[in-house]
Amino acid sequence: MLAQHGFKQVQFVRGSALRALEQALTGDVQGPATECIKELLAALDQHIPEPNRDLLAPFFMPVEDDSTEGGCSEQNDS
């Protein structure tokens, strides 16, 4: 089915993210439940190229003001 949509040589990583999280919360990040997360990250590193970044250019980050104030608005009656 994946090949019909153009996905070829897809790597599957089996595991439980919930079990890995539960194990990591106990402080054990080397146990067997976290191995699937390590395999997943290795697969991502292998198949997704790191983007080219212009480290010499100035850093610009767009900032949007999405906050709105609820309730009644104050009016100046002067």
PDB file of N, CA and C in Angstrom:
ATOM      1  N   MET A   1       0.825  -1.192   0.000  1.00  0.00           N
ATOM      2  CA  MET A   1       0.000   0.000   0.000  1.00  0.00           C
ATOM      3  C   MET A   1       0.872   1.259   0.000  1.00  0.00           C
ATOM      4  N   LEU A   2       1.944   1.277   0.777  1.00  0.00           N
ATOM      5  CA  LEU A   2       2.810   2.454   0.787  1.00  0.00           C
ATOM      6  C   LEU A   2       3.493   2.655  -0.555  1.00  0.00           C
ATOM      7  N   ALA A   3       3.882   1.565  -1.198  1.00  0.00           N
ATOM      8  CA  ALA A   3       4.553   1.653  -2.497  1.00  0.00           C
ATOM      9  C   ALA A   3       3.630   2.268  -3.544  1.00  0.00           C
ATOM     10  N   GLN A   4       2.330   2.039  -3.438  1.00  0.00           N
ATOM     11  CA  GLN A   4       1.374   2.622  -4.378  1.00  0.00           C
ATOM     12  C   GLN A   4       1.349   4.147  -4.276  1.00  0.00           C
ATOM     13  N   HIS A   5       1.741   4.679  -3.137  1.00  0.00           N
ATOM     14  CA  HIS A   5       1.738   6.124  -2.925  1.00  0.00           C
ATOM     15  C   HIS A   5       3.129   6.731  -3.024  1.00  0.00           C
ATOM     16  N   GLY A   6       4.077   5.967  -3.543  1.00  0.00           N
ATOM     17  CA  GLY A   6       5.412   6.501  -3.780  1.00  0.00           C
ATOM     18  C   GLY A   6       6.404   6.302  -2.657  1.00  0.00           C
ATOM     19  N   PHE A   7       6.023   5.606  -1.610  1.00  0.00           N
ATOM     20  CA  PHE A   7       6.934   5.348  -0.504  1.00  0.00           C
ATOM     21  C   PHE A   7       7.602   3.999  -0.719  1.00  0.00           C
ATOM     22  N   LYS A   8       8.908   4.014  -0.921  1.00  0.00           N
ATOM     23  CA  LYS A   8       9.646   2.776  -1.143  1.00  0.00           C
ATOM     24  C   LYS A   8      10.730   2.663  -0.087  1.00  0.00           C
ATOM     25  N   GLN A   9      11.026   1.455   0.291  1.00  0.00           N
ATOM     26  CA  GLN A   9      12.043   1.169   1.292  1.00  0.00           C
ATOM     27  C   GLN A   9      11.775   1.935   2.595  1.00  0.00           C
ATOM     28  N   VAL A  10      10.565   1.804   3.099  1.00  0.00           N
ATOM     29  CA  VAL A  10      10.169   2.465   4.338  1.00  0.00           C
ATOM     30  C   VAL A  10      10.612   1.596   5.511  1.00  0.00           C
ATOM     31  N   GLN A  11      11.277   2.204   6.459  1.00  0.00           N
ATOM     32  CA  GLN A  11      11.734   1.475   7.637  1.00  0.00           C
ATOM     33  C   GLN A  11      10.692   1.604   8.745  1.00  0.00           C
ATOM     34  N   PHE A  12      10.337   0.485   9.347  1.00  0.00           N
ATOM     35  CA  PHE A  12       9.384   0.473  10.447  1.00  0.00           C
ATOM     36  C   PHE A  12      10.142   0.261  11.748  1.00  0.00           C
ATOM     37  N   VAL A  13       9.771   1.004  12.754  1.00  0.00           N
ATOM     38  CA  VAL A  13      10.357   0.855  14.081  1.00  0.00           C
ATOM     39  C   VAL A  13       9.213   0.509  15.027  1.00  0.00           C
ATOM     40  N   ARG A  14       9.308  -0.651  15.620  1.00  0.00           N
ATOM     41  CA  ARG A  14       8.246  -1.103  16.530  1.00  0.00           C
ATOM     42  C   ARG A  14       8.626  -0.768  17.971  1.00  0.00           C
ATOM     43  N   GLY A  15       7.631  -0.370  18.724  1.00  0.00           N
ATOM     44  CA  GLY A  15       7.848  -0.070  20.127  1.00  0.00           C
ATOM     45  C   GLY A  15       6.701   0.742  20.684  1.00  0.00           C
ATOM     46  N   SER A  16       6.787   1.059  21.945  1.00  0.00           N
ATOM     47  CA  SER A  16       5.747   1.821  22.619  1.00  0.00           C
ATOM     48  C   SER A  16       6.350   3.101  23.188  1.00  0.00           C
ATOM     49  N   ALA A  17       5.906   4.226  22.655  1.00  0.00           N
ATOM     50  CA  ALA A  17       6.381   5.508  23.161  1.00  0.00           C
ATOM     51  C   ALA A  17       5.926   5.715  24.604  1.00  0.00           C
ATOM     52  N   LEU A  18       4.729   5.229  24.927  1.00  0.00           N
ATOM     53  CA  LEU A  18       4.228   5.364  26.304  1.00  0.00           C
ATOM     54  C   LEU A  18       5.101   4.588  27.281  1.00  0.00           C
ATOM     55  N   ARG A  19       5.446   3.356  26.938  1.00  0.00           N
ATOM     56  CA  ARG A  19       6.314   2.568  27.833  1.00  0.00           C
ATOM     57  C   ARG A  19       7.701   3.188  27.943  1.00  0.00           C
ATOM     58  N   ALA A  20       8.198   3.726  26.834  1.00  0.00           N
ATOM     59  CA  ALA A  20       9.509   4.391  26.869  1.00  0.00           C
ATOM     60  C   ALA A  20       9.460   5.614  27.771  1.00  0.00           C
ATOM     61  N   LEU A  21       8.384   6.382  27.679  1.00  0.00           N
ATOM     62  CA  LEU A  21       8.237   7.556  28.535  1.00  0.00           C
ATOM     63  C   LEU A  21       8.125   7.154  29.995  1.00  0.00           C
ATOM     64  N   GLU A  22       7.321   6.153  30.286  1.00  0.00           N
ATOM     65  CA  GLU A  22       7.163   5.697  31.671  1.00  0.00           C
ATOM     66  C   GLU A  22       8.496   5.223  32.238  1.00  0.00           C
ATOM     67  N   GLN A  23       9.273   4.520  31.431  1.00  0.00           N
ATOM     68  CA  GLN A  23      10.575   4.044  31.891  1.00  0.00           C
ATOM     69  C   GLN A  23      11.533   5.216  32.090  1.00  0.00           C
ATOM     70  N   ALA A  24      11.517   6.176  31.177  1.00  0.00           N
ATOM     71  CA  ALA A  24      12.412   7.329  31.287  1.00  0.00           C
ATOM     72  C   ALA A  24      12.063   8.177  32.511  1.00  0.00           C
ATOM     73  N   LEU A  25      10.789   8.259  32.844  1.00  0.00           N
ATOM     74  CA  LEU A  25      10.382   9.041  34.021  1.00  0.00           C
ATOM     75  C   LEU A  25      10.892   8.430  35.324  1.00  0.00           C
ATOM     76  N   THR A  26      11.212   7.143  35.305  1.00  0.00           N
ATOM     77  CA  THR A  26      11.792   6.511  36.489  1.00  0.00           C
ATOM     78  C   THR A  26      13.298   6.748  36.556  1.00  0.00           C
ATOM     79  N   GLY A  27      13.853   7.386  35.521  1.00  0.00           N
ATOM     80  CA  GLY A  27      15.289   7.660  35.489  1.00  0.00           C
ATOM     81  C   GLY A  27      16.081   6.640  34.710  1.00  0.00           C
ATOM     82  N   ASP A  28      15.420   5.613  34.182  1.00  0.00           N
ATOM     83  CA  ASP A  28      16.101   4.558  33.438  1.00  0.00           C
ATOM     84  C   ASP A  28      15.950   4.821  31.938  1.00  0.00           C
ATOM     85  N   VAL A  29      16.959   5.432  31.337  1.00  0.00           N
ATOM     86  CA  VAL A  29      16.908   5.711  29.902  1.00  0.00           C
ATOM     87  C   VAL A  29      17.720   4.693  29.104  1.00  0.00           C
ATOM     88  N   GLN A  30      18.283   3.710  29.754  1.00  0.00           N
ATOM     89  CA  GLN A  30      19.077   2.689  29.080  1.00  0.00           C
ATOM     90  C   GLN A  30      18.347   1.355  28.985  1.00  0.00           C
ATOM     91  N   GLY A  31      17.156   1.267  29.512  1.00  0.00           N
ATOM     92  CA  GLY A  31      16.434  -0.001  29.536  1.00  0.00           C
ATOM     93  C   GLY A  31      15.852  -0.371  28.184  1.00  0.00           C
ATOM     94  N   PRO A  32      15.264  -1.561  28.092  1.00  0.00           N
ATOM     95  CA  PRO A  32      14.758  -2.057  26.808  1.00  0.00           C
ATOM     96  C   PRO A  32      13.584  -1.264  26.241  1.00  0.00           C
ATOM     97  N   ALA A  33      12.786  -0.644  27.081  1.00  0.00           N
ATOM     98  CA  ALA A  33      11.622   0.096  26.576  1.00  0.00           C
ATOM     99  C   ALA A  33      12.024   1.344  25.802  1.00  0.00           C
ATOM    100  N   THR A  34      13.202   1.894  26.071  1.00  0.00           N
ATOM    101  CA  THR A  34      13.625   3.108  25.372  1.00  0.00           C
ATOM    102  C   THR A  34      14.397   2.811  24.088  1.00  0.00           C
ATOM    103  N   GLU A  35      14.682   1.547  23.816  1.00  0.00           N
ATOM    104  CA  GLU A  35      15.438   1.198  22.607  1.00  0.00           C
ATOM    105  C   GLU A  35      14.692   1.587  21.339  1.00  0.00           C
ATOM    106  N   CYS A  36      13.347   1.502  21.339  1.00  0.00           N
ATOM    107  CA  CYS A  36      12.588   1.852  20.142  1.00  0.00           C
ATOM    108  C   CYS A  36      12.738   3.336  19.813  1.00  0.00           C
ATOM    109  N   ILE A  37      12.850   4.175  20.827  1.00  0.00           N
ATOM    110  CA  ILE A  37      13.023   5.607  20.591  1.00  0.00           C
ATOM    111  C   ILE A  37      14.401   5.864  19.988  1.00  0.00           C
ATOM    112  N   LYS A  38      15.401   5.175  20.485  1.00  0.00           N
ATOM    113  CA  LYS A  38      16.753   5.323  19.926  1.00  0.00           C
ATOM    114  C   LYS A  38      16.792   4.847  18.481  1.00  0.00           C
ATOM    115  N   GLU A  39      16.110   3.738  18.181  1.00  0.00           N
ATOM    116  CA  GLU A  39      16.045   3.228  16.808  1.00  0.00           C
ATOM    117  C   GLU A  39      15.314   4.216  15.900  1.00  0.00           C
ATOM    118  N   LEU A  40      14.241   4.807  16.406  1.00  0.00           N
ATOM    119  CA  LEU A  40      13.480   5.784  15.626  1.00  0.00           C
ATOM    120  C   LEU A  40      14.334   7.001  15.294  1.00  0.00           C
ATOM    121  N   LEU A  41      15.053   7.520  16.273  1.00  0.00           N
ATOM    122  CA  LEU A  41      15.905   8.678  16.031  1.00  0.00           C
ATOM    123  C   LEU A  41      17.038   8.346  15.070  1.00  0.00           C
ATOM    124  N   ALA A  42      17.581   7.147  15.173  1.00  0.00           N
ATOM    125  CA  ALA A  42      18.630   6.727  14.240  1.00  0.00           C
ATOM    126  C   ALA A  42      18.077   6.640  12.817  1.00  0.00           C
ATOM    127  N   ALA A  43      16.854   6.130  12.667  1.00  0.00           N
ATOM    128  CA  ALA A  43      16.233   6.039  11.344  1.00  0.00           C
ATOM    129  C   ALA A  43      15.970   7.429  10.773  1.00  0.00           C
ATOM    130  N   LEU A  44      15.516   8.347  11.606  1.00  0.00           N
ATOM    131  CA  LEU A  44      15.290   9.724  11.152  1.00  0.00           C
ATOM    132  C   LEU A  44      16.595  10.377  10.723  1.00  0.00           C
ATOM    133  N   ASP A  45      17.638  10.192  11.518  1.00  0.00           N
ATOM    134  CA  ASP A  45      18.946  10.763  11.174  1.00  0.00           C
ATOM    135  C   ASP A  45      19.474  10.191   9.861  1.00  0.00           C
ATOM    136  N   GLN A  46      19.168   8.930   9.611  1.00  0.00           N
ATOM    137  CA  GLN A  46      19.676   8.273   8.406  1.00  0.00           C
ATOM    138  C   GLN A  46      18.924   8.713   7.152  1.00  0.00           C
ATOM    139  N   HIS A  47      17.630   8.963   7.259  1.00  0.00           N
ATOM    140  CA  HIS A  47      16.802   9.197   6.072  1.00  0.00           C
ATOM    141  C   HIS A  47      16.414  10.651   5.833  1.00  0.00           C
ATOM    142  N   ILE A  48      16.532  11.505   6.819  1.00  0.00           N
ATOM    143  CA  ILE A  48      16.164  12.911   6.642  1.00  0.00           C
ATOM    144  C   ILE A  48      17.432  13.742   6.685  1.00  0.00           C
ATOM    145  N   PRO A  49      17.764  14.403   5.579  1.00  0.00           N
ATOM    146  CA  PRO A  49      19.000  15.183   5.558  1.00  0.00           C
ATOM    147  C   PRO A  49      18.895  16.429   6.438  1.00  0.00           C
ATOM    148  N   GLU A  50      20.015  16.813   6.995  1.00  0.00           N
ATOM    149  CA  GLU A  50      20.054  18.028   7.800  1.00  0.00           C
ATOM    150  C   GLU A  50      19.978  19.233   6.865  1.00  0.00           C
ATOM    151  N   PRO A  51      19.102  20.194   7.142  1.00  0.00           N
ATOM    152  CA  PRO A  51      18.958  21.335   6.237  1.00  0.00           C
ATOM    153  C   PRO A  51      20.194  22.240   6.268  1.00  0.00           C
ATOM    154  N   ASN A  52      20.428  22.892   5.139  1.00  0.00           N
ATOM    155  CA  ASN A  52      21.507  23.871   5.078  1.00  0.00           C
ATOM    156  C   ASN A  52      21.058  25.141   5.780  1.00  0.00           C
ATOM    157  N   ARG A  53      21.874  25.621   6.667  1.00  0.00           N
ATOM    158  CA  ARG A  53      21.545  26.845   7.409  1.00  0.00           C
ATOM    159  C   ARG A  53      22.640  27.867   7.185  1.00  0.00           C
ATOM    160  N   ASP A  54      22.228  29.095   6.959  1.00  0.00           N
ATOM    161  CA  ASP A  54      23.180  30.188   6.811  1.00  0.00           C
ATOM    162  C   ASP A  54      23.477  30.719   8.211  1.00  0.00           C
ATOM    163  N   LEU A  55      24.551  30.246   8.789  1.00  0.00           N
ATOM    164  CA  LEU A  55      24.884  30.606  10.166  1.00  0.00           C
ATOM    165  C   LEU A  55      25.479  32.000  10.278  1.00  0.00           C
ATOM    166  N   LEU A  56      25.858  32.595   9.148  1.00  0.00           N
ATOM    167  CA  LEU A  56      26.444  33.933   9.176  1.00  0.00           C
ATOM    168  C   LEU A  56      25.399  35.036   9.004  1.00  0.00           C
ATOM    169  N   ALA A  57      24.218  34.669   8.546  1.00  0.00           N
ATOM    170  CA  ALA A  57      23.155  35.661   8.348  1.00  0.00           C
ATOM    171  C   ALA A  57      22.529  36.017   9.690  1.00  0.00           C
ATOM    172  N   PRO A  58      21.963  37.221   9.791  1.00  0.00           N
ATOM    173  CA  PRO A  58      21.275  37.591  11.038  1.00  0.00           C
ATOM    174  C   PRO A  58      20.064  36.687  11.275  1.00  0.00           C
ATOM    175  N   PHE A  59      19.773  36.484  12.525  1.00  0.00           N
ATOM    176  CA  PHE A  59      18.656  35.626  12.902  1.00  0.00           C
ATOM    177  C   PHE A  59      17.373  36.453  12.924  1.00  0.00           C
ATOM    178  N   PHE A  60      16.393  36.017  12.160  1.00  0.00           N
ATOM    179  CA  PHE A  60      15.091  36.669  12.151  1.00  0.00           C
ATOM    180  C   PHE A  60      14.038  35.651  12.546  1.00  0.00           C
ATOM    181  N   MET A  61      13.220  36.009  13.522  1.00  0.00           N
ATOM    182  CA  MET A  61      12.141  35.134  13.941  1.00  0.00           C
ATOM    183  C   MET A  61      10.844  35.923  13.885  1.00  0.00           C
ATOM    184  N   PRO A  62       9.885  35.471  13.078  1.00  0.00           N
ATOM    185  CA  PRO A  62       8.620  36.201  13.007  1.00  0.00           C
ATOM    186  C   PRO A  62       7.868  36.106  14.332  1.00  0.00           C
ATOM    187  N   VAL A  63       7.289  37.201  14.721  1.00  0.00           N
ATOM    188  CA  VAL A  63       6.523  37.250  15.965  1.00  0.00           C
ATOM    189  C   VAL A  63       5.116  37.702  15.616  1.00  0.00           C
ATOM    190  N   GLU A  64       4.155  36.899  16.015  1.00  0.00           N
ATOM    191  CA  GLU A  64       2.761  37.237  15.771  1.00  0.00           C
ATOM    192  C   GLU A  64       2.089  37.501  17.096  1.00  0.00           C
ATOM    193  N   ASP A  65       1.184  38.424  17.092  1.00  0.00           N
ATOM    194  CA  ASP A  65       0.422  38.729  18.301  1.00  0.00           C
ATOM    195  C   ASP A  65      -0.936  38.074  18.168  1.00  0.00           C
ATOM    196  N   ASP A  66      -1.048  36.869  18.702  1.00  0.00           N
ATOM    197  CA  ASP A  66      -2.296  36.124  18.619  1.00  0.00           C
ATOM    198  C   ASP A  66      -3.101  36.202  19.900  1.00  0.00           C
ATOM    199  N   SER A  67      -2.612  36.963  20.852  1.00  0.00           N
ATOM    200  CA  SER A  67      -3.341  37.031  22.123  1.00  0.00           C
ATOM    201  C   SER A  67      -4.472  38.047  22.024  1.00  0.00           C
ATOM    202  N   THR A  68      -5.578  37.690  22.606  1.00  0.00           N
ATOM    203  CA  THR A  68      -6.722  38.599  22.655  1.00  0.00           C
ATOM    204  C   THR A  68      -7.167  38.695  24.099  1.00  0.00           C
ATOM    205  N   GLU A  69      -7.674  39.816  24.449  1.00  0.00           N
ATOM    206  CA  GLU A  69      -8.167  40.044  25.805  1.00  0.00           C
ATOM    207  C   GLU A  69      -9.654  39.730  25.818  1.00  0.00           C
ATOM    208  N   GLY A  70     -10.079  38.925  26.746  1.00  0.00           N
ATOM    209  CA  GLY A  70     -11.491  38.598  26.843  1.00  0.00           C
ATOM    210  C   GLY A  70     -12.212  39.548  27.787  1.00  0.00           C
ATOM    211  N   GLY A  71     -13.493  39.459  27.813  1.00  0.00           N
ATOM    212  CA  GLY A  71     -14.276  40.281  28.726  1.00  0.00           C
ATOM    213  C   GLY A  71     -14.617  41.636  28.134  1.00  0.00           C
ATOM    214  N   CYS A  72     -14.981  42.538  29.014  1.00  0.00           N
ATOM    215  CA  CYS A  72     -15.392  43.883  28.593  1.00  0.00           C
ATOM    216  C   CYS A  72     -14.178  44.726  28.262  1.00  0.00           C
ATOM    217  N   SER A  73     -14.310  45.556  27.260  1.00  0.00           N
ATOM    218  CA  SER A  73     -13.231  46.463  26.928  1.00  0.00           C
ATOM    219  C   SER A  73     -13.449  47.775  27.659  1.00  0.00           C
ATOM    220  N   GLU A  74     -12.349  48.402  28.045  1.00  0.00           N
ATOM    221  CA  GLU A  74     -12.454  49.682  28.735  1.00  0.00           C
ATOM    222  C   GLU A  74     -12.607  50.789  27.707  1.00  0.00           C
ATOM    223  N   GLN A  75     -13.489  51.720  27.999  1.00  0.00           N
ATOM    224  CA  GLN A  75     -13.692  52.843  27.100  1.00  0.00           C
ATOM    225  C   GLN A  75     -13.358  54.120  27.846  1.00  0.00           C
ATOM    226  N   ASN A  76     -12.704  55.018  27.171  1.00  0.00           N
ATOM    227  CA  ASN A  76     -12.363  56.301  27.738  1.00  0.00           C
ATOM    228  C   ASN A  76     -13.451  57.291  27.362  1.00  0.00           C
ATOM    229  N   ASP A  77     -14.249  57.707  28.340  1.00  0.00           N
ATOM    230  CA  ASP A  77     -15.386  58.612  28.087  1.00  0.00           C
ATOM    231  C   ASP A  77     -14.996  60.053  28.369  1.00  0.00           C
ATOM    232  N   SER A  78     -13.943  60.558  27.781  1.00  0.00           N
ATOM    233  CA  SER A  78     -13.589  61.946  28.027  1.00  0.00           C
ATOM    234  C   SER A  78     -13.936  62.813  26.876  1.00  0.00           C
TER     235      SER A  78
END
